Amino acid sequence: MLEEVRVEFGEGHKNMEMALLKQPFEVRGHHVVFFLSKGLQEDLFAKLKPELTGILRRKLHHPDLEVGFEVREAVADTSRNLYTSSEKFVFLMKKSPALKDLAARFGLETDF
């Protein structure tokens, strides 16, 4: 059903709305709850909500259907922000503490 709504938005060249519809969601009784990231998605969803609610009510023949969202904090992927050798080494030490012992035993330097 949601795929039909995505196609409808795609035909209207509403790419940002289509991106929101690709977010995970959950059905709770008469409520459809989308899980969004903080920031821009919240503002965009507020604009999309009336239209999306109307479309889903019409397609599902359910006039009491409600659409909402919950903000979920995205897990920051710190590996993308590692620039220096020292940052990479500290990150790897957190994943594998034995690396610290190896560096000490063999006198390894992270900065070169």
PDB file of N, CA and C in Angstrom:
ATOM      1  N   MET A   1       0.819  -1.192   0.000  1.00  0.00           N
ATOM      2  CA  MET A   1       0.000   0.000   0.000  1.00  0.00           C
ATOM      3  C   MET A   1       0.865   1.257   0.000  1.00  0.00           C
ATOM      4  N   LEU A   2       1.893   1.263   0.838  1.00  0.00           N
ATOM      5  CA  LEU A   2       2.769   2.432   0.907  1.00  0.00           C
ATOM      6  C   LEU A   2       3.515   2.631  -0.410  1.00  0.00           C
ATOM      7  N   GLU A   3       3.762   1.531  -1.120  1.00  0.00           N
ATOM      8  CA  GLU A   3       4.438   1.631  -2.413  1.00  0.00           C
ATOM      9  C   GLU A   3       3.580   2.415  -3.404  1.00  0.00           C
ATOM     10  N   GLU A   4       2.260   2.238  -3.352  1.00  0.00           N
ATOM     11  CA  GLU A   4       1.362   2.995  -4.226  1.00  0.00           C
ATOM     12  C   GLU A   4       1.433   4.490  -3.923  1.00  0.00           C
ATOM     13  N   VAL A   5       1.547   4.820  -2.652  1.00  0.00           N
ATOM     14  CA  VAL A   5       1.645   6.229  -2.250  1.00  0.00           C
ATOM     15  C   VAL A   5       2.968   6.799  -2.743  1.00  0.00           C
ATOM     16  N   ARG A   6       4.049   6.016  -2.638  1.00  0.00           N
ATOM     17  CA  ARG A   6       5.354   6.474  -3.134  1.00  0.00           C
ATOM     18  C   ARG A   6       5.295   6.755  -4.633  1.00  0.00           C
ATOM     19  N   VAL A   7       4.625   5.873  -5.378  1.00  0.00           N
ATOM     20  CA  VAL A   7       4.485   6.066  -6.825  1.00  0.00           C
ATOM     21  C   VAL A   7       3.718   7.343  -7.109  1.00  0.00           C
ATOM     22  N   GLU A   8       2.662   7.582  -6.337  1.00  0.00           N
ATOM     23  CA  GLU A   8       1.860   8.784  -6.519  1.00  0.00           C
ATOM     24  C   GLU A   8       2.689  10.053  -6.279  1.00  0.00           C
ATOM     25  N   PHE A   9       3.512  10.042  -5.239  1.00  0.00           N
ATOM     26  CA  PHE A   9       4.386  11.190  -4.978  1.00  0.00           C
ATOM     27  C   PHE A   9       5.467  11.289  -6.042  1.00  0.00           C
ATOM     28  N   GLY A  10       5.950  10.163  -6.536  1.00  0.00           N
ATOM     29  CA  GLY A  10       6.968  10.169  -7.579  1.00  0.00           C
ATOM     30  C   GLY A  10       6.465  10.794  -8.861  1.00  0.00           C
ATOM     31  N   GLU A  11       5.216  10.522  -9.189  1.00  0.00           N
ATOM     32  CA  GLU A  11       4.631  11.110 -10.389  1.00  0.00           C
ATOM     33  C   GLU A  11       4.482  12.618 -10.252  1.00  0.00           C
ATOM     34  N   GLY A  12       4.317  13.077  -9.003  1.00  0.00           N
ATOM     35  CA  GLY A  12       4.210  14.513  -8.750  1.00  0.00           C
ATOM     36  C   GLY A  12       5.557  15.163  -8.512  1.00  0.00           C
ATOM     37  N   HIS A  13       6.643  14.417  -8.724  1.00  0.00           N
ATOM     38  CA  HIS A  13       8.015  14.895  -8.532  1.00  0.00           C
ATOM     39  C   HIS A  13       8.239  15.429  -7.113  1.00  0.00           C
ATOM     40  N   LYS A  14       7.692  14.734  -6.140  1.00  0.00           N
ATOM     41  CA  LYS A  14       7.862  15.108  -4.735  1.00  0.00           C
ATOM     42  C   LYS A  14       8.914  14.190  -4.126  1.00  0.00           C
ATOM     43  N   ASN A  15      10.166  14.440  -4.486  1.00  0.00           N
ATOM     44  CA  ASN A  15      11.258  13.559  -4.080  1.00  0.00           C
ATOM     45  C   ASN A  15      11.535  13.588  -2.581  1.00  0.00           C
ATOM     46  N   MET A  16      11.438  14.748  -1.958  1.00  0.00           N
ATOM     47  CA  MET A  16      11.683  14.834  -0.520  1.00  0.00           C
ATOM     48  C   MET A  16      10.627  14.045   0.246  1.00  0.00           C
ATOM     49  N   GLU A  17       9.387  14.121  -0.212  1.00  0.00           N
ATOM     50  CA  GLU A  17       8.318  13.378   0.427  1.00  0.00           C
ATOM     51  C   GLU A  17       8.531  11.878   0.260  1.00  0.00           C
ATOM     52  N   MET A  18       9.009  11.491  -0.907  1.00  0.00           N
ATOM     53  CA  MET A  18       9.289  10.070  -1.154  1.00  0.00           C
ATOM     54  C   MET A  18      10.372   9.571  -0.202  1.00  0.00           C
ATOM     55  N   ALA A  19      11.368  10.395   0.073  1.00  0.00           N
ATOM     56  CA  ALA A  19      12.434  10.010   0.999  1.00  0.00           C
ATOM     57  C   ALA A  19      11.866   9.782   2.399  1.00  0.00           C
ATOM     58  N   LEU A  20      10.913  10.600   2.806  1.00  0.00           N
ATOM     59  CA  LEU A  20      10.279  10.405   4.114  1.00  0.00           C
ATOM     60  C   LEU A  20       9.511   9.090   4.171  1.00  0.00           C
ATOM     61  N   LEU A  21       8.878   8.745   3.085  1.00  0.00           N
ATOM     62  CA  LEU A  21       8.090   7.517   3.059  1.00  0.00           C
ATOM     63  C   LEU A  21       8.954   6.260   3.071  1.00  0.00           C
ATOM     64  N   LYS A  22      10.245   6.422   2.853  1.00  0.00           N
ATOM     65  CA  LYS A  22      11.162   5.283   2.913  1.00  0.00           C
ATOM     66  C   LYS A  22      11.669   5.036   4.331  1.00  0.00           C
ATOM     67  N   GLN A  23      11.310   5.927   5.259  1.00  0.00           N
ATOM     68  CA  GLN A  23      11.719   5.761   6.650  1.00  0.00           C
ATOM     69  C   GLN A  23      10.949   4.594   7.269  1.00  0.00           C
ATOM     70  N   PRO A  24      11.534   3.947   8.285  1.00  0.00           N
ATOM     71  CA  PRO A  24      10.820   2.856   8.946  1.00  0.00           C
ATOM     72  C   PRO A  24       9.542   3.379   9.595  1.00  0.00           C
ATOM     73  N   PHE A  25       8.532   2.513   9.660  1.00  0.00           N
ATOM     74  CA  PHE A  25       7.271   2.899  10.273  1.00  0.00           C
ATOM     75  C   PHE A  25       6.674   1.701  10.994  1.00  0.00           C
ATOM     76  N   GLU A  26       5.657   1.989  11.785  1.00  0.00           N
ATOM     77  CA  GLU A  26       5.001   0.954  12.567  1.00  0.00           C
ATOM     78  C   GLU A  26       3.509   1.267  12.604  1.00  0.00           C
ATOM     79  N   VAL A  27       2.693   0.230  12.531  1.00  0.00           N
ATOM     80  CA  VAL A  27       1.241   0.398  12.624  1.00  0.00           C
ATOM     81  C   VAL A  27       0.819   0.011  14.030  1.00  0.00           C
ATOM     82  N   ARG A  28       0.148   0.938  14.701  1.00  0.00           N
ATOM     83  CA  ARG A  28      -0.324   0.718  16.067  1.00  0.00           C
ATOM     84  C   ARG A  28      -1.826   0.973  16.099  1.00  0.00           C
ATOM     85  N   GLY A  29      -2.598  -0.058  15.907  1.00  0.00           N
ATOM     86  CA  GLY A  29      -4.049   0.111  15.884  1.00  0.00           C
ATOM     87  C   GLY A  29      -4.465   0.965  14.705  1.00  0.00           C
ATOM     88  N   HIS A  30      -5.026   2.148  15.000  1.00  0.00           N
ATOM     89  CA  HIS A  30      -5.471   3.074  13.950  1.00  0.00           C
ATOM     90  C   HIS A  30      -4.433   4.145  13.659  1.00  0.00           C
ATOM     91  N   HIS A  31      -3.209   3.935  14.106  1.00  0.00           N
ATOM     92  CA  HIS A  31      -2.154   4.932  13.932  1.00  0.00           C
ATOM     93  C   HIS A  31      -0.991   4.343  13.127  1.00  0.00           C
ATOM     94  N   VAL A  32      -0.488   5.131  12.204  1.00  0.00           N
ATOM     95  CA  VAL A  32       0.729   4.790  11.474  1.00  0.00           C
ATOM     96  C   VAL A  32       1.791   5.762  11.972  1.00  0.00           C
ATOM     97  N   VAL A  33       2.866   5.222  12.552  1.00  0.00           N
ATOM     98  CA  VAL A  33       3.907   6.051  13.146  1.00  0.00           C
ATOM     99  C   VAL A  33       5.197   5.866  12.356  1.00  0.00           C
ATOM    100  N   PHE A  34       5.712   6.964  11.817  1.00  0.00           N
ATOM    101  CA  PHE A  34       6.986   6.951  11.097  1.00  0.00           C
ATOM    102  C   PHE A  34       8.093   7.329  12.072  1.00  0.00           C
ATOM    103  N   PHE A  35       9.252   6.697  11.926  1.00  0.00           N
ATOM    104  CA  PHE A  35      10.405   6.991  12.772  1.00  0.00           C
ATOM    105  C   PHE A  35      11.357   7.879  11.980  1.00  0.00           C
ATOM    106  N   LEU A  36      11.522   9.116  12.439  1.00  0.00           N
ATOM    107  CA  LEU A  36      12.294  10.111  11.719  1.00  0.00           C
ATOM    108  C   LEU A  36      13.536  10.519  12.499  1.00  0.00           C
ATOM    109  N   SER A  37      14.468  11.124  11.775  1.00  0.00           N
ATOM    110  CA  SER A  37      15.644  11.734  12.399  1.00  0.00           C
ATOM    111  C   SER A  37      15.286  13.170  12.764  1.00  0.00           C
ATOM    112  N   LYS A  38      16.041  13.716  13.676  1.00  0.00           N
ATOM    113  CA  LYS A  38      15.783  15.081  14.118  1.00  0.00           C
ATOM    114  C   LYS A  38      16.113  16.068  13.008  1.00  0.00           C
ATOM    115  N   GLY A  39      15.433  17.181  12.995  1.00  0.00           N
ATOM    116  CA  GLY A  39      15.796  18.264  12.092  1.00  0.00           C
ATOM    117  C   GLY A  39      14.841  18.446  10.938  1.00  0.00           C
ATOM    118  N   LEU A  40      15.379  18.445   9.750  1.00  0.00           N
ATOM    119  CA  LEU A  40      14.628  18.752   8.540  1.00  0.00           C
ATOM    120  C   LEU A  40      13.461  17.801   8.323  1.00  0.00           C
ATOM    121  N   GLN A  41      13.641  16.529   8.654  1.00  0.00           N
ATOM    122  CA  GLN A  41      12.573  15.561   8.427  1.00  0.00           C
ATOM    123  C   GLN A  41      11.319  15.914   9.216  1.00  0.00           C
ATOM    124  N   GLU A  42      11.475  16.434  10.428  1.00  0.00           N
ATOM    125  CA  GLU A  42      10.324  16.815  11.244  1.00  0.00           C
ATOM    126  C   GLU A  42       9.513  17.905  10.556  1.00  0.00           C
ATOM    127  N   ASP A  43      10.179  18.937  10.063  1.00  0.00           N
ATOM    128  CA  ASP A  43       9.492  20.048   9.404  1.00  0.00           C
ATOM    129  C   ASP A  43       8.790  19.588   8.134  1.00  0.00           C
ATOM    130  N   LEU A  44       9.467  18.774   7.365  1.00  0.00           N
ATOM    131  CA  LEU A  44       8.898  18.285   6.117  1.00  0.00           C
ATOM    132  C   LEU A  44       7.698  17.381   6.386  1.00  0.00           C
ATOM    133  N   PHE A  45       7.793  16.554   7.426  1.00  0.00           N
ATOM    134  CA  PHE A  45       6.694  15.646   7.739  1.00  0.00           C
ATOM    135  C   PHE A  45       5.457  16.428   8.166  1.00  0.00           C
ATOM    136  N   ALA A  46       5.641  17.525   8.889  1.00  0.00           N
ATOM    137  CA  ALA A  46       4.503  18.344   9.313  1.00  0.00           C
ATOM    138  C   ALA A  46       3.737  18.869   8.097  1.00  0.00           C
ATOM    139  N   LYS A  47       4.457  19.211   7.039  1.00  0.00           N
ATOM    140  CA  LYS A  47       3.809  19.679   5.811  1.00  0.00           C
ATOM    141  C   LYS A  47       3.161  18.529   5.040  1.00  0.00           C
ATOM    142  N   LEU A  48       3.755  17.354   5.120  1.00  0.00           N
ATOM    143  CA  LEU A  48       3.290  16.187   4.378  1.00  0.00           C
ATOM    144  C   LEU A  48       2.105  15.497   5.060  1.00  0.00           C
ATOM    145  N   LYS A  49       2.005  15.625   6.360  1.00  0.00           N
ATOM    146  CA  LYS A  49       1.048  14.852   7.155  1.00  0.00           C
ATOM    147  C   LYS A  49      -0.407  14.954   6.668  1.00  0.00           C
ATOM    148  N   PRO A  50      -0.964  16.147   6.435  1.00  0.00           N
ATOM    149  CA  PRO A  50      -2.369  16.190   6.004  1.00  0.00           C
ATOM    150  C   PRO A  50      -2.620  15.457   4.687  1.00  0.00           C
ATOM    151  N   GLU A  51      -1.740  15.655   3.742  1.00  0.00           N
ATOM    152  CA  GLU A  51      -1.908  15.005   2.441  1.00  0.00           C
ATOM    153  C   GLU A  51      -1.755  13.493   2.564  1.00  0.00           C
ATOM    154  N   LEU A  52      -0.752  13.050   3.304  1.00  0.00           N
ATOM    155  CA  LEU A  52      -0.507  11.623   3.487  1.00  0.00           C
ATOM    156  C   LEU A  52      -1.657  10.966   4.237  1.00  0.00           C
ATOM    157  N   THR A  53      -2.159  11.628   5.267  1.00  0.00           N
ATOM    158  CA  THR A  53      -3.285  11.086   6.033  1.00  0.00           C
ATOM    159  C   THR A  53      -4.492  10.912   5.126  1.00  0.00           C
ATOM    160  N   GLY A  54      -4.782  11.910   4.312  1.00  0.00           N
ATOM    161  CA  GLY A  54      -5.922  11.832   3.389  1.00  0.00           C
ATOM    162  C   GLY A  54      -5.776  10.693   2.392  1.00  0.00           C
ATOM    163  N   ILE A  55      -4.586  10.550   1.831  1.00  0.00           N
ATOM    164  CA  ILE A  55      -4.350   9.486   0.847  1.00  0.00           C
ATOM    165  C   ILE A  55      -4.518   8.117   1.490  1.00  0.00           C
ATOM    166  N   LEU A  56      -3.918   7.919   2.663  1.00  0.00           N
ATOM    167  CA  LEU A  56      -4.012   6.614   3.325  1.00  0.00           C
ATOM    168  C   LEU A  56      -5.444   6.304   3.761  1.00  0.00           C
ATOM    169  N   ARG A  57      -6.167   7.294   4.260  1.00  0.00           N
ATOM    170  CA  ARG A  57      -7.567   7.067   4.646  1.00  0.00           C
ATOM    171  C   ARG A  57      -8.393   6.638   3.436  1.00  0.00           C
ATOM    172  N   ARG A  58      -8.164   7.288   2.315  1.00  0.00           N
ATOM    173  CA  ARG A  58      -8.915   6.988   1.097  1.00  0.00           C
ATOM    174  C   ARG A  58      -8.571   5.597   0.561  1.00  0.00           C
ATOM    175  N   LYS A  59      -7.279   5.278   0.495  1.00  0.00           N
ATOM    176  CA  LYS A  59      -6.863   3.994  -0.080  1.00  0.00           C
ATOM    177  C   LYS A  59      -7.207   2.811   0.826  1.00  0.00           C
ATOM    178  N   LEU A  60      -7.165   3.033   2.143  1.00  0.00           N
ATOM    179  CA  LEU A  60      -7.443   1.947   3.085  1.00  0.00           C
ATOM    180  C   LEU A  60      -8.912   1.906   3.516  1.00  0.00           C
ATOM    181  N   HIS A  61      -9.684   2.877   3.067  1.00  0.00           N
ATOM    182  CA  HIS A  61     -11.106   2.961   3.436  1.00  0.00           C
ATOM    183  C   HIS A  61     -11.259   2.944   4.954  1.00  0.00           C
ATOM    184  N   HIS A  62     -10.446   3.770   5.612  1.00  0.00           N
ATOM    185  CA  HIS A  62     -10.444   3.819   7.073  1.00  0.00           C
ATOM    186  C   HIS A  62     -10.423   5.291   7.496  1.00  0.00           C
ATOM    187  N   PRO A  63     -11.599   5.895   7.752  1.00  0.00           N
ATOM    188  CA  PRO A  63     -11.657   7.336   8.054  1.00  0.00           C
ATOM    189  C   PRO A  63     -11.050   7.743   9.400  1.00  0.00           C
ATOM    190  N   ASP A  64     -10.812   6.785  10.304  1.00  0.00           N
ATOM    191  CA  ASP A  64     -10.256   7.109  11.615  1.00  0.00           C
ATOM    192  C   ASP A  64      -8.733   6.996  11.663  1.00  0.00           C
ATOM    193  N   LEU A  65      -8.112   6.663  10.549  1.00  0.00           N
ATOM    194  CA  LEU A  65      -6.662   6.469  10.508  1.00  0.00           C
ATOM    195  C   LEU A  65      -5.933   7.771  10.824  1.00  0.00           C
ATOM    196  N   GLU A  66      -4.924   7.688  11.657  1.00  0.00           N
ATOM    197  CA  GLU A  66      -4.093   8.837  11.992  1.00  0.00           C
ATOM    198  C   GLU A  66      -2.645   8.535  11.613  1.00  0.00           C
ATOM    199  N   VAL A  67      -1.927   9.557  11.196  1.00  0.00           N
ATOM    200  CA  VAL A  67      -0.520   9.435  10.826  1.00  0.00           C
ATOM    201  C   VAL A  67       0.278  10.347  11.748  1.00  0.00           C
ATOM    202  N   GLY A  68       1.383   9.814  12.274  1.00  0.00           N
ATOM    203  CA  GLY A  68       2.238  10.612  13.147  1.00  0.00           C
ATOM    204  C   GLY A  68       3.681  10.197  13.000  1.00  0.00           C
ATOM    205  N   PHE A  69       4.525  10.734  13.862  1.00  0.00           N
ATOM    206  CA  PHE A  69       5.937  10.373  13.798  1.00  0.00           C
ATOM    207  C   PHE A  69       6.549  10.401  15.185  1.00  0.00           C
ATOM    208  N   GLU A  70       7.652   9.710  15.321  1.00  0.00           N
ATOM    209  CA  GLU A  70       8.480   9.733  16.515  1.00  0.00           C
ATOM    210  C   GLU A  70       9.903  10.032  16.069  1.00  0.00           C
ATOM    211  N   VAL A  71      10.593  10.816  16.856  1.00  0.00           N
ATOM    212  CA  VAL A  71      11.976  11.149  16.530  1.00  0.00           C
ATOM    213  C   VAL A  71      12.878  10.123  17.191  1.00  0.00           C
ATOM    214  N   ARG A  72      13.709   9.531  16.403  1.00  0.00           N
ATOM    215  CA  ARG A  72      14.705   8.583  16.908  1.00  0.00           C
ATOM    216  C   ARG A  72      16.071   9.160  16.610  1.00  0.00           C
ATOM    217  N   GLU A  73      16.905   9.161  17.623  1.00  0.00           N
ATOM    218  CA  GLU A  73      18.262   9.666  17.442  1.00  0.00           C
ATOM    219  C   GLU A  73      19.039   8.695  16.574  1.00  0.00           C
ATOM    220  N   ALA A  74      19.657   9.212  15.565  1.00  0.00           N
ATOM    221  CA  ALA A  74      20.487   8.381  14.698  1.00  0.00           C
ATOM    222  C   ALA A  74      21.793   8.080  15.404  1.00  0.00           C
ATOM    223  N   VAL A  75      22.256   6.880  15.240  1.00  0.00           N
ATOM    224  CA  VAL A  75      23.536   6.505  15.828  1.00  0.00           C
ATOM    225  C   VAL A  75      24.632   7.121  14.976  1.00  0.00           C
ATOM    226  N   ALA A  76      25.448   7.913  15.608  1.00  0.00           N
ATOM    227  CA  ALA A  76      26.521   8.591  14.880  1.00  0.00           C
ATOM    228  C   ALA A  76      27.608   7.586  14.514  1.00  0.00           C
ATOM    229  N   ASP A  77      27.964   7.579  13.270  1.00  0.00           N
ATOM    230  CA  ASP A  77      29.028   6.701  12.798  1.00  0.00           C
ATOM    231  C   ASP A  77      30.326   7.492  12.856  1.00  0.00           C
ATOM    232  N   THR A  78      31.060   7.308  13.953  1.00  0.00           N
ATOM    233  CA  THR A  78      32.272   8.098  14.150  1.00  0.00           C
ATOM    234  C   THR A  78      33.386   7.714  13.194  1.00  0.00           C
ATOM    235  N   SER A  79      33.297   6.548  12.568  1.00  0.00           N
ATOM    236  CA  SER A  79      34.362   6.135  11.658  1.00  0.00           C
ATOM    237  C   SER A  79      34.449   7.061  10.445  1.00  0.00           C
ATOM    238  N   ARG A  80      33.379   7.771  10.136  1.00  0.00           N
ATOM    239  CA  ARG A  80      33.408   8.695   9.009  1.00  0.00           C
ATOM    240  C   ARG A  80      34.187   9.963   9.350  1.00  0.00           C
ATOM    241  N   ASN A  81      34.334  10.251  10.626  1.00  0.00           N
ATOM    242  CA  ASN A  81      34.970  11.492  11.044  1.00  0.00           C
ATOM    243  C   ASN A  81      36.414  11.302  11.467  1.00  0.00           C
ATOM    244  N   LEU A  82      37.001  10.203  11.148  1.00  0.00           N
ATOM    245  CA  LEU A  82      38.375   9.932  11.530  1.00  0.00           C
ATOM    246  C   LEU A  82      39.308  10.415  10.429  1.00  0.00           C
ATOM    247  N   TYR A  83      40.120  11.410  10.783  1.00  0.00           N
ATOM    248  CA  TYR A  83      40.998  11.992   9.777  1.00  0.00           C
ATOM    249  C   TYR A  83      42.469  11.691  10.025  1.00  0.00           C
ATOM    250  N   THR A  84      42.896  11.844  11.261  1.00  0.00           N
ATOM    251  CA  THR A  84      44.316  11.656  11.551  1.00  0.00           C
ATOM    252  C   THR A  84      44.595  10.220  11.979  1.00  0.00           C
ATOM    253  N   SER A  85      45.849   9.866  11.947  1.00  0.00           N
ATOM    254  CA  SER A  85      46.257   8.528  12.375  1.00  0.00           C
ATOM    255  C   SER A  85      45.942   8.310  13.853  1.00  0.00           C
ATOM    256  N   SER A  86      46.113   9.337  14.661  1.00  0.00           N
ATOM    257  CA  SER A  86      45.824   9.223  16.096  1.00  0.00           C
ATOM    258  C   SER A  86      44.348   8.950  16.340  1.00  0.00           C
ATOM    259  N   GLU A  87      43.466   9.641  15.618  1.00  0.00           N
ATOM    260  CA  GLU A  87      42.025   9.414  15.768  1.00  0.00           C
ATOM    261  C   GLU A  87      41.656   7.994  15.378  1.00  0.00           C
ATOM    262  N   LYS A  88      42.244   7.521  14.306  1.00  0.00           N
ATOM    263  CA  LYS A  88      41.970   6.148  13.858  1.00  0.00           C
ATOM    264  C   LYS A  88      42.468   5.133  14.882  1.00  0.00           C
ATOM    265  N   PHE A  89      43.637   5.394  15.452  1.00  0.00           N
ATOM    266  CA  PHE A  89      44.210   4.477  16.430  1.00  0.00           C
ATOM    267  C   PHE A  89      43.347   4.414  17.695  1.00  0.00           C
ATOM    268  N   VAL A  90      42.886   5.561  18.171  1.00  0.00           N
ATOM    269  CA  VAL A  90      42.035   5.595  19.362  1.00  0.00           C
ATOM    270  C   VAL A  90      40.727   4.855  19.093  1.00  0.00           C
ATOM    271  N   PHE A  91      40.160   5.049  17.920  1.00  0.00           N
ATOM    272  CA  PHE A  91      38.932   4.358  17.553  1.00  0.00           C
ATOM    273  C   PHE A  91      39.141   2.838  17.543  1.00  0.00           C
ATOM    274  N   LEU A  92      40.238   2.395  16.955  1.00  0.00           N
ATOM    275  CA  LEU A  92      40.520   0.958  16.900  1.00  0.00           C
ATOM    276  C   LEU A  92      40.827   0.389  18.280  1.00  0.00           C
ATOM    277  N   MET A  93      41.474   1.184  19.141  1.00  0.00           N
ATOM    278  CA  MET A  93      41.750   0.719  20.506  1.00  0.00           C
ATOM    279  C   MET A  93      40.450   0.494  21.278  1.00  0.00           C
ATOM    280  N   LYS A  94      39.455   1.320  21.029  1.00  0.00           N
ATOM    281  CA  LYS A  94      38.164   1.130  21.695  1.00  0.00           C
ATOM    282  C   LYS A  94      37.511  -0.174  21.245  1.00  0.00           C
ATOM    283  N   LYS A  95      37.706  -0.519  19.989  1.00  0.00           N
ATOM    284  CA  LYS A  95      37.140  -1.752  19.467  1.00  0.00           C
ATOM    285  C   LYS A  95      37.931  -2.971  19.913  1.00  0.00           C
ATOM    286  N   SER A  96      39.244  -2.804  20.039  1.00  0.00           N
ATOM    287  CA  SER A  96      40.107  -3.919  20.411  1.00  0.00           C
ATOM    288  C   SER A  96      41.186  -3.424  21.374  1.00  0.00           C
ATOM    289  N   PRO A  97      40.948  -3.541  22.693  1.00  0.00           N
ATOM    290  CA  PRO A  97      41.903  -3.038  23.681  1.00  0.00           C
ATOM    291  C   PRO A  97      43.289  -3.683  23.586  1.00  0.00           C
ATOM    292  N   ALA A  98      43.382  -4.873  23.011  1.00  0.00           N
ATOM    293  CA  ALA A  98      44.680  -5.542  22.888  1.00  0.00           C
ATOM    294  C   ALA A  98      45.628  -4.760  21.981  1.00  0.00           C
ATOM    295  N   LEU A  99      45.093  -3.903  21.159  1.00  0.00           N
ATOM    296  CA  LEU A  99      45.908  -3.097  20.258  1.00  0.00           C
ATOM    297  C   LEU A  99      46.851  -2.176  21.039  1.00  0.00           C
ATOM    298  N   LYS A 100      46.404  -1.703  22.180  1.00  0.00           N
ATOM    299  CA  LYS A 100      47.241  -0.830  23.018  1.00  0.00           C
ATOM    300  C   LYS A 100      48.479  -1.589  23.493  1.00  0.00           C
ATOM    301  N   ASP A 101      48.280  -2.851  23.895  1.00  0.00           N
ATOM    302  CA  ASP A 101      49.411  -3.669  24.333  1.00  0.00           C
ATOM    303  C   ASP A 101      50.383  -3.919  23.192  1.00  0.00           C
ATOM    304  N   LEU A 102      49.870  -4.188  22.026  1.00  0.00           N
ATOM    305  CA  LEU A 102      50.729  -4.414  20.859  1.00  0.00           C
ATOM    306  C   LEU A 102      51.545  -3.163  20.515  1.00  0.00           C
ATOM    307  N   ALA A 103      50.872  -2.011  20.571  1.00  0.00           N
ATOM    308  CA  ALA A 103      51.572  -0.756  20.265  1.00  0.00           C
ATOM    309  C   ALA A 103      52.692  -0.518  21.273  1.00  0.00           C
ATOM    310  N   ALA A 104      52.429  -0.801  22.539  1.00  0.00           N
ATOM    311  CA  ALA A 104      53.460  -0.600  23.576  1.00  0.00           C
ATOM    312  C   ALA A 104      54.584  -1.606  23.409  1.00  0.00           C
ATOM    313  N   ARG A 105      54.261  -2.852  23.141  1.00  0.00           N
ATOM    314  CA  ARG A 105      55.276  -3.914  23.029  1.00  0.00           C
ATOM    315  C   ARG A 105      56.213  -3.670  21.850  1.00  0.00           C
ATOM    316  N   PHE A 106      55.662  -3.219  20.721  1.00  0.00           N
ATOM    317  CA  PHE A 106      56.502  -3.047  19.537  1.00  0.00           C
ATOM    318  C   PHE A 106      56.907  -1.590  19.302  1.00  0.00           C
ATOM    319  N   GLY A 107      56.520  -0.705  20.207  1.00  0.00           N
ATOM    320  CA  GLY A 107      56.919   0.707  20.087  1.00  0.00           C
ATOM    321  C   GLY A 107      56.338   1.389  18.860  1.00  0.00           C
ATOM    322  N   LEU A 108      55.091   1.095  18.547  1.00  0.00           N
ATOM    323  CA  LEU A 108      54.463   1.670  17.369  1.00  0.00           C
ATOM    324  C   LEU A 108      54.052   3.126  17.609  1.00  0.00           C
ATOM    325  N   GLU A 109      54.283   3.964  16.636  1.00  0.00           N
ATOM    326  CA  GLU A 109      53.878   5.364  16.682  1.00  0.00           C
ATOM    327  C   GLU A 109      52.694   5.555  15.752  1.00  0.00           C
ATOM    328  N   THR A 110      51.712   6.309  16.221  1.00  0.00           N
ATOM    329  CA  THR A 110      50.543   6.549  15.357  1.00  0.00           C
ATOM    330  C   THR A 110      50.732   7.773  14.482  1.00  0.00           C
ATOM    331  N   ASP A 111      51.535   8.720  14.921  1.00  0.00           N
ATOM    332  CA  ASP A 111      51.779   9.922  14.114  1.00  0.00           C
ATOM    333  C   ASP A 111      53.079   9.775  13.362  1.00  0.00           C
ATOM    334  N   PHE A 112      53.009   9.988  12.052  1.00  0.00           N
ATOM    335  CA  PHE A 112      54.234   9.922  11.248  1.00  0.00           C
ATOM    336  C   PHE A 112      54.261  11.008  10.226  1.00  0.00           C
TER     337      PHE A 112
END
